[in-house]
Amino acid sequence: MTKKEDHIALFIDCDNISHKAIEGIISELSKYGVVNIRQAYGNWTKDNLKNWEEKLLEFAIKPIQQFDYSKNKNATDILMTIDAIDLLHTKDIDAFAFATSDSDFTPVVMRVQAEGIKVYGFGEKKTPKPFMAACSQFIFTEKLMTPERKNPSSSESSLVQAPIRKSGKEMRADTWLVNLLRNAVEQTMDEHGWANLADVGQYINNSSSFSPVNYGYKKLSNLMDEIDLFDIYLDEESKQMSIRDKRFGN
């Protein structure tokens, strides 16, 4: 069973994250603990953040106002970074979460990680790789989008496309993914080639920002089954799953 984090602090860069993803973000973080600090940053006088207002109330998110002091500098990024560092030293936080597609937050993520605290990252697929790699786990917000509620006054409803699940064939063509999974199994297997799935998942979490959600799967076990590169054994008594690279017996 995944260890629950007691306290999670969520920082949202509303200039770089769609309001349509917030429900999925909080739902994903709830797997690890209670998101009891929720702060959203932006210049709330701007029209482009109007869609966030309803979400702030619905999910009890505290809006943090930051005016644009300069056209060439993002004051929101600076304030968000300062607040994160303040919390790092003044509150008992078990994990941080940053919802942004901006690589400017890479240094603060690395600083938090240096304290031995996990950082969950959320952003669009355009997010620069340095920020994604710096996070303990990074999830694309496109995979967390929820359908827009139907407007009773309108005959049509605007729906966000549901996350697309990658097929086994597509995942087998992903060299990075295949190497990641095979290496994780190799590093945790016994003399017979079998590795406990929980150990494999822990190794992956410690060595990368991978998440099965980015491939359309809620659990690593489902992804392992679909990619069809590993033999899978479930112990009925302990309910523990073990996997082995199909090449091991060849």
Protein backbone atom coordinates (compact mmCIF):
# COMPACT_ATOMS: atom_id res chain seq x y z
CA MET A 1 0.00 0.00 0.00
CA THR A 2 1.27 3.48 -0.85
CA LYS A 3 2.43 5.46 2.17
CA LYS A 4 0.15 8.41 2.80
CA GLU A 5 1.65 11.86 3.16
CA ASP A 6 0.05 13.82 5.99
CA HIS A 7 0.46 17.34 4.63
CA ILE A 8 0.73 18.42 1.00
CA ALA A 9 1.16 22.03 -0.13
CA LEU A 10 -0.15 22.81 -3.62
CA PHE A 11 1.03 25.89 -5.53
CA ILE A 12 -0.79 26.74 -8.75
CA ASP A 13 0.57 29.02 -11.46
CA CYS A 14 -2.77 30.02 -12.97
CA ASP A 15 -1.13 31.76 -15.93
CA ASN A 16 0.24 28.41 -17.08
CA ILE A 17 -2.39 25.88 -15.96
CA SER A 18 -5.95 25.40 -17.23
CA HIS A 19 -8.76 25.59 -14.70
CA LYS A 20 -10.11 22.41 -16.28
CA ALA A 21 -7.26 20.38 -14.79
CA ILE A 22 -7.57 21.35 -11.12
CA GLU A 23 -10.08 18.67 -10.17
CA GLY A 24 -7.83 15.98 -11.62
CA ILE A 25 -4.77 17.45 -9.91
CA ILE A 26 -6.35 17.42 -6.46
CA SER A 27 -7.79 13.95 -7.06
CA GLU A 28 -4.34 12.65 -8.00
CA LEU A 29 -2.69 14.25 -4.95
CA SER A 30 -5.36 12.80 -2.68
CA LYS A 31 -3.81 9.38 -3.29
CA TYR A 32 -0.84 10.50 -1.21
CA GLY A 33 -2.42 12.56 1.54
CA VAL A 34 -4.38 15.68 2.42
CA VAL A 35 -3.87 18.78 0.31
CA ASN A 36 -4.42 21.15 3.20
CA ILE A 37 -2.52 24.09 1.69
CA ARG A 38 -3.92 25.19 -1.67
CA GLN A 39 -2.75 28.48 -3.15
CA ALA A 40 -3.37 29.86 -6.64
CA TYR A 41 -1.24 32.70 -8.01
CA GLY A 42 -2.03 35.26 -10.68
CA ASN A 43 -3.14 38.78 -11.49
CA TRP A 44 -6.84 38.37 -10.78
CA THR A 45 -7.67 41.69 -12.44
CA LYS A 46 -7.02 40.06 -15.81
CA ASP A 47 -9.86 38.63 -17.87
CA ASN A 48 -7.91 35.49 -18.81
CA LEU A 49 -8.19 34.21 -15.21
CA LYS A 50 -11.97 34.67 -14.91
CA ASN A 51 -12.59 30.95 -15.47
CA TRP A 52 -10.59 30.19 -12.34
CA GLU A 53 -12.96 32.04 -9.98
CA GLU A 54 -15.53 29.24 -9.75
CA LYS A 55 -12.81 26.63 -9.24
CA LEU A 56 -11.25 28.58 -6.38
CA LEU A 57 -14.51 28.44 -4.47
CA GLU A 58 -15.34 24.86 -5.41
CA PHE A 59 -12.00 23.45 -4.24
CA ALA A 60 -11.28 25.84 -1.35
CA ILE A 61 -8.21 27.32 -3.03
CA LYS A 62 -6.75 30.55 -1.67
CA PRO A 63 -6.17 33.14 -4.41
CA ILE A 64 -2.91 35.09 -4.13
CA GLN A 65 -2.98 38.42 -5.96
CA GLN A 66 0.15 39.58 -7.73
CA PHE A 67 0.15 42.64 -9.99
CA ASP A 68 2.44 42.78 -13.01
CA TYR A 69 5.10 45.29 -12.03
CA SER A 70 6.96 44.88 -15.32
CA LYS A 71 6.05 43.62 -18.77
CA ASN A 72 9.29 41.67 -19.03
CA LYS A 73 9.28 40.01 -15.58
CA ASN A 74 6.77 37.59 -14.10
CA ALA A 75 6.22 38.77 -10.53
CA THR A 76 3.86 35.84 -9.95
CA ASP A 77 6.71 33.35 -10.37
CA ILE A 78 8.86 35.22 -7.86
CA LEU A 79 6.11 35.43 -5.23
CA MET A 80 5.20 31.76 -5.66
CA THR A 81 8.84 30.78 -5.19
CA ILE A 82 9.23 32.94 -2.08
CA ASP A 83 6.09 31.49 -0.50
CA ALA A 84 7.22 27.92 -1.23
CA ILE A 85 10.62 28.50 0.42
CA ASP A 86 8.93 30.17 3.41
CA LEU A 87 6.69 27.13 3.90
CA LEU A 88 9.67 24.83 3.53
CA HIS A 89 11.22 26.38 6.64
CA THR A 90 8.15 27.31 8.70
CA LYS A 91 5.64 24.48 8.23
CA ASP A 92 5.73 20.71 8.65
CA ILE A 93 5.17 19.78 5.01
CA ASP A 94 5.53 16.18 3.82
CA ALA A 95 5.25 16.95 0.11
CA PHE A 96 4.99 19.90 -2.25
CA ALA A 97 3.09 20.08 -5.53
CA PHE A 98 3.66 22.64 -8.28
CA ALA A 99 1.12 23.06 -11.05
CA THR A 100 2.88 24.99 -13.80
CA SER A 101 4.35 24.59 -17.27
CA ASP A 102 7.11 27.11 -16.54
CA SER A 103 10.70 25.90 -16.22
CA ASP A 104 11.53 28.91 -14.00
CA PHE A 105 10.37 26.81 -11.03
CA THR A 106 13.09 24.18 -11.57
CA PRO A 107 15.46 25.71 -8.96
CA VAL A 108 12.83 25.82 -6.20
CA VAL A 109 11.83 22.22 -6.94
CA MET A 110 15.47 21.15 -6.67
CA ARG A 111 15.80 23.10 -3.41
CA VAL A 112 12.80 21.33 -1.89
CA GLN A 113 14.08 17.96 -3.09
CA ALA A 114 17.41 18.69 -1.41
CA GLU A 115 15.55 18.65 1.92
CA GLY A 116 14.37 15.11 1.22
CA ILE A 117 10.81 16.23 0.48
CA LYS A 118 8.88 14.87 -2.48
CA VAL A 119 7.70 17.22 -5.20
CA TYR A 120 4.78 16.36 -7.46
CA GLY A 121 4.71 18.30 -10.72
CA PHE A 122 1.77 18.99 -13.02
CA GLY A 123 1.95 20.77 -16.36
CA GLU A 124 1.12 20.68 -20.04
CA LYS A 125 3.04 18.54 -22.50
CA LYS A 126 4.93 21.66 -23.60
CA THR A 127 6.59 21.85 -20.15
CA PRO A 128 10.41 21.99 -20.49
CA LYS A 129 12.16 18.73 -19.62
CA PRO A 130 14.39 20.20 -16.86
CA PHE A 131 11.34 21.01 -14.73
CA MET A 132 9.76 17.61 -15.36
CA ALA A 133 12.98 15.79 -14.50
CA ALA A 134 13.43 17.77 -11.28
CA CYS A 135 10.10 16.53 -9.87
CA SER A 136 9.67 13.28 -7.96
CA GLN A 137 6.74 12.56 -10.25
CA PHE A 138 5.38 14.62 -13.13
CA ILE A 139 1.94 14.27 -14.71
CA PHE A 140 0.63 15.94 -17.86
CA THR A 141 -2.48 17.98 -17.14
CA GLU A 142 -3.95 16.92 -20.47
CA LYS A 143 -4.39 13.49 -18.85
CA LEU A 144 -6.32 14.99 -15.94
CA MET A 145 -8.83 17.14 -17.78
CA THR A 146 -12.45 16.81 -16.65
CA PRO A 147 -15.56 17.39 -18.81
CA GLU A 148 -17.00 20.88 -18.69
CA ARG A 149 -20.36 20.98 -16.95
CA LYS A 150 -23.27 21.46 -19.28
CA ASN A 151 -24.74 24.95 -19.33
CA PRO A 152 -28.55 24.63 -18.84
CA SER A 153 -29.09 27.70 -21.01
CA SER A 154 -27.23 26.15 -23.90
CA SER A 155 -28.30 23.29 -26.16
CA GLU A 156 -24.72 22.16 -26.43
CA SER A 157 -22.12 21.11 -23.88
CA SER A 158 -18.42 21.63 -24.30
CA LEU A 159 -16.53 18.45 -23.48
CA VAL A 160 -12.80 18.09 -23.08
CA GLN A 161 -11.48 15.05 -24.85
CA ALA A 162 -10.95 12.14 -22.46
CA PRO A 163 -7.37 11.02 -21.86
CA ILE A 164 -6.18 8.60 -24.54
CA ARG A 165 -4.81 5.29 -23.27
CA LYS A 166 -1.66 4.15 -25.04
CA SER A 167 -1.85 0.68 -26.54
CA GLY A 168 0.71 -2.00 -25.80
CA LYS A 169 2.14 -1.61 -29.29
CA GLU A 170 2.53 2.15 -28.87
CA MET A 171 4.25 1.74 -25.51
CA ARG A 172 6.60 -0.95 -26.82
CA ALA A 173 7.70 1.56 -29.45
CA ASP A 174 8.60 4.04 -26.71
CA THR A 175 12.29 3.28 -26.18
CA TRP A 176 12.59 5.44 -23.07
CA LEU A 177 9.65 3.72 -21.38
CA VAL A 178 10.79 0.20 -22.29
CA ASN A 179 14.32 0.87 -21.01
CA LEU A 180 12.95 2.41 -17.80
CA LEU A 181 10.74 -0.57 -17.02
CA ARG A 182 13.28 -3.22 -17.93
CA ASN A 183 16.01 -1.52 -15.95
CA ALA A 184 13.76 -1.22 -12.90
CA VAL A 185 12.94 -4.93 -13.05
CA GLU A 186 16.60 -5.85 -13.55
CA GLN A 187 17.68 -3.79 -10.55
CA THR A 188 15.08 -5.34 -8.19
CA MET A 189 14.79 -8.95 -9.41
CA ASP A 190 15.88 -12.09 -7.54
CA GLU A 191 18.12 -14.84 -8.91
CA HIS A 192 15.20 -16.29 -10.86
CA GLY A 193 14.42 -13.01 -12.59
CA TRP A 194 11.27 -12.20 -10.59
CA ALA A 195 10.77 -8.74 -9.10
CA ASN A 196 8.10 -7.56 -6.69
CA LEU A 197 5.99 -4.94 -8.44
CA ALA A 198 6.02 -2.69 -5.36
CA ASP A 199 9.84 -2.72 -5.41
CA VAL A 200 9.82 -1.97 -9.13
CA GLY A 201 7.48 0.97 -8.59
CA GLN A 202 9.64 2.30 -5.75
CA TYR A 203 12.78 2.06 -7.88
CA ILE A 204 11.06 3.94 -10.72
CA ASN A 205 9.86 6.66 -8.33
CA ASN A 206 13.37 7.08 -6.96
CA SER A 207 15.04 7.29 -10.35
CA SER A 208 12.62 9.22 -12.56
CA SER A 209 9.53 11.44 -12.75
CA PHE A 210 7.54 8.70 -14.52
CA SER A 211 3.81 8.29 -13.89
CA PRO A 212 1.52 5.68 -15.53
CA VAL A 213 -1.15 8.38 -15.72
CA ASN A 214 0.73 9.98 -18.62
CA TYR A 215 0.06 6.81 -20.63
CA GLY A 216 -3.60 6.60 -19.65
CA TYR A 217 -3.28 4.09 -16.79
CA LYS A 218 -4.13 4.66 -13.15
CA LYS A 219 -1.83 1.91 -11.88
CA LEU A 220 1.59 0.61 -12.85
CA SER A 221 0.23 -2.96 -12.77
CA ASN A 222 -2.29 -2.15 -15.53
CA LEU A 223 0.42 -0.61 -17.69
CA MET A 224 2.72 -3.62 -17.14
CA ASP A 225 -0.03 -5.99 -18.18
CA GLU A 226 -0.85 -4.02 -21.33
CA ILE A 227 2.71 -3.49 -22.54
CA ASP A 228 3.13 -7.29 -22.64
CA LEU A 229 6.89 -7.39 -22.10
CA PHE A 230 6.77 -9.16 -18.74
CA ASP A 231 5.49 -12.39 -17.25
CA ILE A 232 3.12 -11.59 -14.39
CA TYR A 233 2.46 -13.70 -11.29
CA LEU A 234 -0.05 -12.87 -8.56
CA ASP A 235 0.31 -14.60 -5.20
CA GLU A 236 -3.29 -15.32 -4.18
CA GLU A 237 -2.42 -15.51 -0.50
CA SER A 238 -0.38 -12.33 -0.11
CA LYS A 239 -1.99 -10.53 -3.08
CA GLN A 240 1.49 -9.38 -4.11
CA MET A 241 2.33 -9.18 -7.80
CA SER A 242 5.68 -10.21 -9.25
CA ILE A 243 6.93 -9.62 -12.77
CA ARG A 244 9.74 -10.98 -14.92
CA ASP A 245 11.16 -9.83 -18.23
CA LYS A 246 9.97 -12.29 -20.88
CA ARG A 247 13.50 -12.34 -22.26
CA PHE A 248 14.83 -13.84 -19.03
CA GLY A 249 13.77 -17.37 -19.91
CA ASN A 250 14.98 -17.17 -23.49
